[in-house]
């Protein structure tokens, strides 16, 4: 961003500093999220056989976490 974008010099510096600090942290969070999803799929390979789960049962179990995430996402963001 530059001053010609309608931002003052101070605002441009604030946005640049926030970007330098937040973007690496957000990349780290994305990586952890990706590893978590991959880990669940690797766990399913042996867990389904050990526990006698079908693909449907495992899908419902994994989906319950997604439903909870969707259900509580908006209220938690409103609380923030």
Protein backbone atom coordinates (compact mmCIF):
# COMPACT_ATOMS: atom_id res chain seq x y z
CA UNK A 1 0.00 0.00 0.00
CA UNK A 2 1.09 3.48 -0.60
CA UNK A 3 0.00 6.94 0.38
CA UNK A 4 -1.64 7.29 -3.04
CA UNK A 5 -4.17 4.58 -2.03
CA UNK A 6 -5.89 7.10 0.21
CA UNK A 7 -4.04 6.07 3.36
CA UNK A 8 -1.86 8.31 5.42
CA UNK A 9 1.78 7.42 5.92
CA UNK A 10 1.06 6.24 9.47
CA UNK A 11 -1.83 4.03 8.37
CA UNK A 12 0.28 2.46 5.64
CA UNK A 13 3.04 1.67 8.15
CA UNK A 14 0.52 0.16 10.59
CA UNK A 15 -0.95 -2.10 7.90
CA UNK A 16 2.51 -3.16 6.76
CA UNK A 17 3.61 -3.95 10.31
CA UNK A 18 0.41 -5.88 11.04
CA UNK A 19 0.87 -7.85 7.85
CA UNK A 20 4.47 -8.73 8.67
CA UNK A 21 3.42 -9.99 12.09
CA UNK A 22 0.14 -11.73 11.25
CA UNK A 23 0.81 -13.42 7.91
CA UNK A 24 3.54 -15.80 9.21
CA UNK A 25 1.32 -16.74 12.17
CA UNK A 26 -1.63 -17.37 9.85
CA UNK A 27 0.54 -19.56 7.61
CA UNK A 28 1.58 -21.57 10.67
CA UNK A 29 -2.06 -22.01 11.70
CA UNK A 30 -2.96 -23.16 8.19
CA UNK A 31 -0.14 -25.70 8.26
CA UNK A 32 -1.30 -27.07 11.63
CA UNK A 33 -4.87 -27.30 10.34
CA UNK A 34 -3.71 -29.17 7.25
CA UNK A 35 -1.62 -31.60 9.32
CA UNK A 36 -4.61 -32.23 11.58
CA UNK A 37 -6.80 -33.21 8.62
CA UNK A 38 -4.10 -35.44 7.18
CA UNK A 39 -3.57 -37.06 10.57
CA UNK A 40 -7.27 -37.97 10.80
CA UNK A 41 -7.15 -39.65 7.40
CA UNK A 42 -4.03 -41.64 8.35
CA UNK A 43 -5.65 -42.67 11.64
CA UNK A 44 -8.70 -43.91 9.74
CA UNK A 45 -6.63 -46.46 7.86
CA UNK A 46 -5.99 -48.63 10.91
CA UNK A 47 -8.66 -47.35 13.29
CA UNK A 48 -11.58 -48.37 11.08
CA UNK A 49 -10.37 -51.96 10.96
CA UNK A 50 -9.52 -52.11 14.66
CA UNK A 51 -12.85 -50.70 15.80
CA UNK A 52 -14.97 -52.28 13.06
CA UNK A 53 -16.11 -48.94 11.65
CA UNK A 54 -17.49 -48.70 8.15
CA UNK A 55 -16.61 -45.71 5.99
CA UNK A 56 -20.08 -44.31 6.72
CA UNK A 57 -19.66 -44.52 10.50
CA UNK A 58 -16.23 -42.90 10.31
CA UNK A 59 -17.61 -40.17 8.05
CA UNK A 60 -20.39 -39.40 10.51
CA UNK A 61 -17.92 -39.31 13.38
CA UNK A 62 -15.61 -36.93 11.56
CA UNK A 63 -18.59 -34.88 10.41
CA UNK A 64 -19.78 -34.33 13.97
CA UNK A 65 -16.69 -32.21 14.59
CA UNK A 66 -17.47 -30.16 11.48
CA UNK A 67 -21.10 -29.64 12.56
CA UNK A 68 -19.92 -28.41 15.95
CA UNK A 69 -17.47 -26.07 14.27
CA UNK A 70 -20.18 -24.62 12.04
CA UNK A 71 -22.65 -24.33 14.91
CA UNK A 72 -20.30 -22.45 17.24
CA UNK A 73 -18.26 -20.44 14.70
CA UNK A 74 -20.62 -17.47 14.42
CA UNK A 75 -21.35 -17.10 18.18
CA UNK A 76 -17.65 -17.32 19.03
CA UNK A 77 -16.76 -14.66 16.49
CA UNK A 78 -19.55 -12.41 17.75
CA UNK A 79 -18.20 -12.84 21.28
CA UNK A 80 -14.76 -11.79 20.11
